[in-house]
Amino acid sequence: MTTALAKGGNTVLTAAACRVTLSAPTTGIDVSAVLLGPDGRVRSDDDLIFYNHAAQDGVRLSGQTIVADLAAIPETVDRVAIEADSCQLCRHRRGR
């Protein structure tokens, strides 16, 4: 099943595994994910998933796609926030 979300949108997932791919029509983007506890905060720096730390607790980054194995995400994680950044300077520093 495919669900399209507008900027800032969210949805409840019912499948055991999901894949989220982000794209932008006019610029490249960097995709990342953040594992959030019930208080809306990360439990530690390990909960930041990005190009240099591409997997944590059932969530992994592959290019511009976040893949989540919902059964492998710990109960202490309440939400997974997925973000996109169009920062040209950030990509330049990483040689992209």
N, C-alpha and C. Protein backbone atom coordinates (compact mmCIF):
# COMPACT_ATOMS: atom_id res chain seq x y z
N MET A 1 0.84 -1.18 0.00
CA MET A 1 0.00 0.00 0.00
C MET A 1 0.89 1.24 0.00
N THR A 2 0.51 2.24 -0.75
CA THR A 2 1.24 3.49 -0.84
C THR A 2 0.37 4.60 -0.27
N THR A 3 0.97 5.42 0.60
CA THR A 3 0.28 6.57 1.18
C THR A 3 1.11 7.80 0.90
N ALA A 4 0.53 8.81 0.30
CA ALA A 4 1.22 10.07 0.05
C ALA A 4 0.90 11.03 1.18
N LEU A 5 1.93 11.67 1.72
CA LEU A 5 1.75 12.63 2.80
C LEU A 5 2.24 14.00 2.37
N ALA A 6 1.53 15.02 2.76
CA ALA A 6 1.97 16.39 2.53
C ALA A 6 3.00 16.75 3.59
N LYS A 7 3.72 17.83 3.37
CA LYS A 7 4.71 18.32 4.33
C LYS A 7 4.07 18.43 5.71
N GLY A 8 4.72 17.84 6.72
CA GLY A 8 4.22 17.88 8.08
C GLY A 8 3.19 16.80 8.38
N GLY A 9 2.85 15.98 7.40
CA GLY A 9 1.82 14.95 7.58
C GLY A 9 2.31 13.78 8.41
N ASN A 10 1.38 13.00 8.91
CA ASN A 10 1.72 11.78 9.64
C ASN A 10 0.62 10.76 9.43
N THR A 11 0.95 9.52 9.74
CA THR A 11 -0.03 8.44 9.60
C THR A 11 0.33 7.31 10.56
N VAL A 12 -0.64 6.54 10.93
CA VAL A 12 -0.43 5.34 11.75
C VAL A 12 -0.12 4.19 10.79
N LEU A 13 0.89 3.39 11.14
CA LEU A 13 1.28 2.26 10.30
C LEU A 13 0.76 0.97 10.90
N THR A 14 0.19 0.11 10.07
CA THR A 14 -0.36 -1.14 10.56
C THR A 14 0.44 -2.35 10.09
N ALA A 15 1.32 -2.17 9.12
CA ALA A 15 2.13 -3.29 8.60
C ALA A 15 3.32 -3.54 9.54
N ALA A 16 3.89 -4.74 9.48
CA ALA A 16 5.04 -5.09 10.32
C ALA A 16 6.32 -4.42 9.85
N ALA A 17 6.38 -4.09 8.58
CA ALA A 17 7.55 -3.42 8.04
C ALA A 17 7.08 -2.31 7.10
N CYS A 18 7.84 -1.24 7.04
CA CYS A 18 7.46 -0.16 6.13
C CYS A 18 8.69 0.48 5.53
N ARG A 19 8.47 1.14 4.43
CA ARG A 19 9.53 1.83 3.69
C ARG A 19 9.00 3.22 3.35
N VAL A 20 9.80 4.23 3.67
CA VAL A 20 9.44 5.61 3.36
C VAL A 20 10.54 6.20 2.50
N THR A 21 10.16 6.66 1.32
CA THR A 21 11.12 7.28 0.41
C THR A 21 10.74 8.74 0.22
N LEU A 22 11.69 9.62 0.41
CA LEU A 22 11.46 11.05 0.24
C LEU A 22 12.18 11.53 -1.00
N SER A 23 11.55 12.47 -1.70
CA SER A 23 12.18 13.07 -2.87
C SER A 23 11.72 14.51 -2.97
N ALA A 24 12.50 15.29 -3.69
CA ALA A 24 12.16 16.69 -3.94
C ALA A 24 12.35 16.96 -5.42
N PRO A 25 11.41 17.66 -6.05
CA PRO A 25 11.47 17.86 -7.50
C PRO A 25 12.58 18.80 -7.96
N THR A 26 13.02 19.72 -7.11
CA THR A 26 13.95 20.75 -7.58
C THR A 26 15.32 20.70 -6.94
N THR A 27 15.52 19.94 -5.89
CA THR A 27 16.81 19.93 -5.21
C THR A 27 17.05 18.58 -4.57
N GLY A 28 18.29 18.23 -4.35
CA GLY A 28 18.60 17.01 -3.62
C GLY A 28 18.32 17.22 -2.14
N ILE A 29 18.07 16.14 -1.44
CA ILE A 29 17.79 16.25 -0.01
C ILE A 29 18.57 15.19 0.75
N ASP A 30 18.82 15.48 2.02
CA ASP A 30 19.38 14.51 2.93
C ASP A 30 18.25 14.02 3.82
N VAL A 31 18.10 12.71 3.92
CA VAL A 31 17.02 12.11 4.70
C VAL A 31 17.61 11.57 6.00
N SER A 32 16.88 11.73 7.08
CA SER A 32 17.29 11.17 8.37
C SER A 32 16.04 10.77 9.15
N ALA A 33 16.26 10.01 10.20
CA ALA A 33 15.15 9.60 11.07
C ALA A 33 15.58 9.79 12.52
N VAL A 34 14.61 10.00 13.38
CA VAL A 34 14.85 10.19 14.80
C VAL A 34 13.90 9.29 15.56
N LEU A 35 14.45 8.46 16.45
CA LEU A 35 13.62 7.61 17.31
C LEU A 35 13.25 8.42 18.54
N LEU A 36 11.96 8.55 18.82
CA LEU A 36 11.48 9.38 19.92
C LEU A 36 10.77 8.54 20.97
N GLY A 37 11.05 8.84 22.22
CA GLY A 37 10.38 8.18 23.33
C GLY A 37 9.02 8.81 23.58
N PRO A 38 8.28 8.32 24.57
CA PRO A 38 6.95 8.85 24.88
C PRO A 38 6.96 10.34 25.23
N ASP A 39 8.10 10.84 25.70
CA ASP A 39 8.21 12.26 26.05
C ASP A 39 8.55 13.13 24.84
N GLY A 40 8.66 12.52 23.65
CA GLY A 40 8.96 13.27 22.44
C GLY A 40 10.44 13.59 22.27
N ARG A 41 11.30 12.96 23.08
CA ARG A 41 12.74 13.20 23.02
C ARG A 41 13.48 11.93 22.64
N VAL A 42 14.69 12.12 22.09
CA VAL A 42 15.53 10.95 21.82
C VAL A 42 16.01 10.38 23.13
N ARG A 43 16.23 9.08 23.15
CA ARG A 43 16.74 8.43 24.36
C ARG A 43 18.23 8.68 24.52
N SER A 44 18.94 8.78 23.39
CA SER A 44 20.39 9.06 23.37
C SER A 44 20.76 9.49 21.96
N ASP A 45 22.02 9.86 21.76
CA ASP A 45 22.49 10.25 20.43
C ASP A 45 22.36 9.11 19.42
N ASP A 46 22.34 7.86 19.89
CA ASP A 46 22.19 6.71 19.00
C ASP A 46 20.85 6.71 18.27
N ASP A 47 19.88 7.45 18.78
CA ASP A 47 18.55 7.48 18.17
C ASP A 47 18.47 8.38 16.95
N LEU A 48 19.59 8.98 16.54
CA LEU A 48 19.65 9.80 15.33
C LEU A 48 20.19 8.93 14.21
N ILE A 49 19.40 8.74 13.16
CA ILE A 49 19.77 7.87 12.04
C ILE A 49 20.01 8.77 10.84
N PHE A 50 21.24 8.75 10.33
CA PHE A 50 21.62 9.62 9.22
C PHE A 50 22.76 8.97 8.45
N TYR A 51 23.33 9.67 7.47
CA TYR A 51 24.32 9.08 6.56
C TYR A 51 25.50 8.44 7.29
N ASN A 52 25.88 8.93 8.45
CA ASN A 52 27.06 8.42 9.16
C ASN A 52 26.70 7.43 10.28
N HIS A 53 25.44 7.25 10.54
CA HIS A 53 24.94 6.27 11.53
C HIS A 53 23.62 5.76 10.94
N ALA A 54 23.73 4.81 10.02
CA ALA A 54 22.62 4.47 9.13
C ALA A 54 21.63 3.45 9.68
N ALA A 55 21.83 2.94 10.88
CA ALA A 55 20.87 1.96 11.41
C ALA A 55 20.86 1.99 12.93
N GLN A 56 19.67 1.77 13.49
CA GLN A 56 19.51 1.70 14.94
C GLN A 56 18.16 1.08 15.27
N ASP A 57 18.16 0.05 16.08
CA ASP A 57 16.93 -0.52 16.67
C ASP A 57 15.81 -0.76 15.66
N GLY A 58 16.10 -1.41 14.55
CA GLY A 58 15.06 -1.77 13.59
C GLY A 58 14.77 -0.74 12.53
N VAL A 59 15.47 0.38 12.55
CA VAL A 59 15.28 1.44 11.56
C VAL A 59 16.61 1.66 10.85
N ARG A 60 16.56 1.70 9.50
CA ARG A 60 17.81 1.94 8.76
C ARG A 60 17.57 2.89 7.60
N LEU A 61 18.64 3.57 7.24
CA LEU A 61 18.63 4.52 6.13
C LEU A 61 19.36 3.90 4.96
N SER A 62 18.75 3.99 3.79
CA SER A 62 19.38 3.52 2.55
C SER A 62 19.13 4.59 1.49
N GLY A 63 20.10 5.46 1.27
CA GLY A 63 19.91 6.56 0.33
C GLY A 63 18.89 7.55 0.84
N GLN A 64 17.79 7.70 0.13
CA GLN A 64 16.71 8.59 0.55
C GLN A 64 15.51 7.81 1.08
N THR A 65 15.76 6.56 1.47
CA THR A 65 14.70 5.69 1.97
C THR A 65 14.97 5.26 3.40
N ILE A 66 13.96 5.37 4.24
CA ILE A 66 14.00 4.84 5.60
C ILE A 66 13.20 3.54 5.59
N VAL A 67 13.81 2.47 6.10
CA VAL A 67 13.15 1.17 6.20
C VAL A 67 13.02 0.85 7.68
N ALA A 68 11.81 0.52 8.11
CA ALA A 68 11.57 0.24 9.53
C ALA A 68 10.94 -1.14 9.69
N ASP A 69 11.54 -1.95 10.54
CA ASP A 69 10.97 -3.23 10.97
C ASP A 69 10.29 -2.93 12.30
N LEU A 70 8.98 -2.69 12.25
CA LEU A 70 8.27 -2.22 13.43
C LEU A 70 8.34 -3.18 14.61
N ALA A 71 8.43 -4.47 14.33
CA ALA A 71 8.54 -5.46 15.40
C ALA A 71 9.88 -5.38 16.11
N ALA A 72 10.91 -4.86 15.45
CA ALA A 72 12.25 -4.78 16.05
C ALA A 72 12.49 -3.47 16.80
N ILE A 73 11.58 -2.53 16.68
CA ILE A 73 11.74 -1.25 17.38
C ILE A 73 11.36 -1.46 18.85
N PRO A 74 12.22 -1.06 19.78
CA PRO A 74 11.94 -1.27 21.21
C PRO A 74 10.66 -0.57 21.67
N GLU A 75 10.05 -1.11 22.71
CA GLU A 75 8.83 -0.50 23.26
C GLU A 75 9.08 0.89 23.82
N THR A 76 10.34 1.21 24.13
CA THR A 76 10.67 2.54 24.66
C THR A 76 10.64 3.61 23.57
N VAL A 77 10.48 3.20 22.31
CA VAL A 77 10.35 4.15 21.20
C VAL A 77 8.87 4.30 20.89
N ASP A 78 8.38 5.53 20.99
CA ASP A 78 6.97 5.82 20.76
C ASP A 78 6.69 6.21 19.31
N ARG A 79 7.65 6.92 18.67
CA ARG A 79 7.47 7.41 17.31
C ARG A 79 8.81 7.43 16.58
N VAL A 80 8.72 7.35 15.27
CA VAL A 80 9.88 7.54 14.41
C VAL A 80 9.58 8.76 13.54
N ALA A 81 10.35 9.82 13.73
CA ALA A 81 10.18 11.03 12.92
C ALA A 81 11.15 10.95 11.75
N ILE A 82 10.67 11.24 10.56
CA ILE A 82 11.50 11.21 9.36
C ILE A 82 11.62 12.64 8.85
N GLU A 83 12.85 13.03 8.57
CA GLU A 83 13.14 14.41 8.20
C GLU A 83 13.88 14.49 6.88
N ALA A 84 13.75 15.62 6.22
CA ALA A 84 14.50 15.89 5.00
C ALA A 84 15.11 17.27 5.11
N ASP A 85 16.35 17.40 4.65
CA ASP A 85 17.07 18.67 4.69
C ASP A 85 17.60 18.97 3.30
N SER A 86 17.39 20.17 2.82
CA SER A 86 17.88 20.53 1.50
C SER A 86 19.13 21.40 1.57
N CYS A 87 19.85 21.31 2.66
CA CYS A 87 21.05 22.13 2.90
C CYS A 87 22.15 21.81 1.89
N GLN A 88 22.37 22.70 0.94
CA GLN A 88 23.41 22.50 -0.07
C GLN A 88 24.80 22.46 0.55
N LEU A 89 25.06 23.27 1.56
CA LEU A 89 26.37 23.30 2.21
C LEU A 89 26.68 21.98 2.89
N CYS A 90 25.68 21.36 3.51
CA CYS A 90 25.88 20.07 4.18
C CYS A 90 26.33 19.01 3.17
N ARG A 91 25.68 18.93 2.03
CA ARG A 91 26.05 17.94 1.01
C ARG A 91 27.43 18.24 0.45
N HIS A 92 27.76 19.50 0.26
CA HIS A 92 29.07 19.88 -0.27
C HIS A 92 30.17 19.42 0.68
N ARG A 93 29.99 19.57 1.96
CA ARG A 93 31.00 19.16 2.95
C ARG A 93 31.24 17.65 2.91
N ARG A 94 30.21 16.89 2.55
CA ARG A 94 30.35 15.43 2.50
C ARG A 94 30.75 14.95 1.11
N GLY A 95 31.00 15.87 0.19
CA GLY A 95 31.45 15.50 -1.14
C GLY A 95 30.36 15.01 -2.06
N ARG A 96 29.14 15.38 -1.83
CA ARG A 96 28.03 14.96 -2.70
C ARG A 96 27.79 15.97 -3.77
